[in-house]
Amino acid sequence: MRISIIGLGLIGGSLGLALKGANRQGLELIGYVRRPEAASLALNLGVVDRAELDLTKVVEGADLVVIATPPLAIKEILTQMSLEKPALFGCSPWPTAQKTM
């Protein structure tokens, strides 16, 4: 199963570490970040298997896409994504996230 996490801050990073800690066989975690130094940090901490700066590469082939960004960024991210197959989406549980949609 391929899980893509968009945003590897506190929520996305914690989710990545929890999923890695579950030690599930066949799980691939891919993270999206905007800065190269954030990608290096995420990889060094073992948060994801692969970190990308290109959103298209992150969602490509994903079975699950988790958007863990500030609420005001969600709409822009959704417009930038193009999925080749249907994926299940998850969003940060902030009450303001609902208001931005």
Protein backbone atom coordinates (compact mmCIF):
# COMPACT_ATOMS: atom_id res chain seq x y z
CA MET A 1 0.00 0.00 0.00
CA ARG A 2 1.30 3.45 -0.92
CA ILE A 3 0.41 6.29 1.42
CA SER A 4 1.22 9.85 0.48
CA ILE A 5 1.47 12.51 3.18
CA ILE A 6 1.30 16.09 1.99
CA GLY A 7 2.99 18.21 4.60
CA LEU A 8 5.49 16.69 7.01
CA GLY A 9 5.14 19.11 9.90
CA LEU A 10 3.85 18.16 13.32
CA ILE A 11 0.76 16.25 12.18
CA GLY A 12 2.11 14.74 8.94
CA GLY A 13 5.46 13.89 10.51
CA SER A 14 3.81 12.27 13.53
CA LEU A 15 1.56 10.23 11.27
CA GLY A 16 4.55 9.09 9.22
CA LEU A 17 6.46 8.01 12.33
CA ALA A 18 3.42 6.17 13.70
CA LEU A 19 2.90 4.32 10.43
CA LYS A 20 6.59 3.44 10.20
CA GLY A 21 6.45 2.25 13.81
CA ALA A 22 3.59 -0.10 12.94
CA ASN A 23 6.11 -1.99 10.79
CA ARG A 24 3.55 -3.05 8.17
CA GLN A 25 4.96 -5.08 5.34
CA GLY A 26 4.40 -3.65 1.88
CA LEU A 27 3.76 -0.12 3.16
CA GLU A 28 5.42 2.70 1.25
CA LEU A 29 5.31 6.21 2.70
CA ILE A 30 5.94 9.18 0.43
CA GLY A 31 5.99 12.73 1.72
CA TYR A 32 5.59 16.11 0.06
CA VAL A 33 7.50 19.12 1.33
CA ARG A 34 8.27 22.51 -0.20
CA ARG A 35 11.90 22.84 0.93
CA PRO A 36 14.84 20.51 0.22
CA GLU A 37 16.09 20.80 3.81
CA ALA A 38 12.70 19.59 5.07
CA ALA A 39 12.96 16.58 2.74
CA SER A 40 16.42 15.74 4.10
CA LEU A 41 15.24 16.05 7.69
CA ALA A 42 12.19 13.83 7.09
CA LEU A 43 14.37 11.14 5.52
CA ASN A 44 17.02 11.36 8.25
CA LEU A 45 14.36 11.02 10.95
CA GLY A 46 12.76 8.05 9.18
CA VAL A 47 9.41 9.79 8.78
CA VAL A 48 8.94 8.60 5.17
CA ASP A 49 10.58 6.25 2.70
CA ARG A 50 10.80 8.97 0.08
CA ALA A 51 10.40 12.76 0.21
CA GLU A 52 9.54 14.79 -2.87
CA LEU A 53 9.31 18.45 -3.79
CA ASP A 54 6.97 17.66 -6.70
CA LEU A 55 3.35 17.16 -5.67
CA THR A 56 2.56 15.16 -8.81
CA LYS A 57 5.20 12.54 -7.94
CA VAL A 58 3.84 12.23 -4.42
CA VAL A 59 0.24 11.48 -5.33
CA GLU A 60 1.08 9.31 -8.36
CA GLY A 61 -0.13 5.77 -7.65
CA ALA A 62 -1.19 6.58 -4.09
CA ASP A 63 -3.78 4.42 -2.38
CA LEU A 64 -4.27 6.98 0.37
CA VAL A 65 -3.49 10.71 0.32
CA VAL A 66 -3.34 12.53 3.64
CA ILE A 67 -3.31 16.32 3.50
CA ALA A 68 -1.58 17.58 6.64
CA THR A 69 -1.08 21.22 5.78
CA PRO A 70 -2.35 24.50 7.15
CA PRO A 71 -6.05 24.75 6.32
CA LEU A 72 -5.67 27.68 3.94
CA ALA A 73 -3.33 25.63 1.72
CA ILE A 74 -5.73 22.71 1.22
CA LYS A 75 -7.74 24.19 -1.64
CA GLU A 76 -4.60 25.08 -3.62
CA ILE A 77 -3.15 21.61 -3.10
CA LEU A 78 -6.33 19.91 -4.29
CA THR A 79 -6.33 21.99 -7.48
CA GLN A 80 -2.70 21.06 -8.19
CA MET A 81 -3.23 17.32 -7.79
CA SER A 82 -4.00 15.04 -10.68
CA LEU A 83 -4.70 11.44 -9.79
CA GLU A 84 -4.56 8.54 -12.23
CA LYS A 85 -6.71 6.36 -9.98
CA PRO A 86 -9.20 7.12 -7.25
CA ALA A 87 -7.61 7.52 -3.85
CA LEU A 88 -8.95 7.90 -0.37
CA PHE A 89 -8.28 11.33 1.12
CA GLY A 90 -7.73 12.35 4.67
CA CYS A 91 -7.43 15.88 5.98
CA SER A 92 -6.07 17.42 9.14
CA PRO A 93 -8.81 17.45 11.75
CA TRP A 94 -8.88 21.20 12.25
CA PRO A 95 -12.32 22.78 12.37
CA THR A 96 -11.08 25.56 10.07
CA ALA A 97 -10.21 23.04 7.37
CA GLN A 98 -13.90 22.51 6.73
CA LYS A 99 -14.44 26.25 6.33
CA THR A 100 -11.75 26.55 3.63
CA MET A 101 -13.35 23.94 1.40
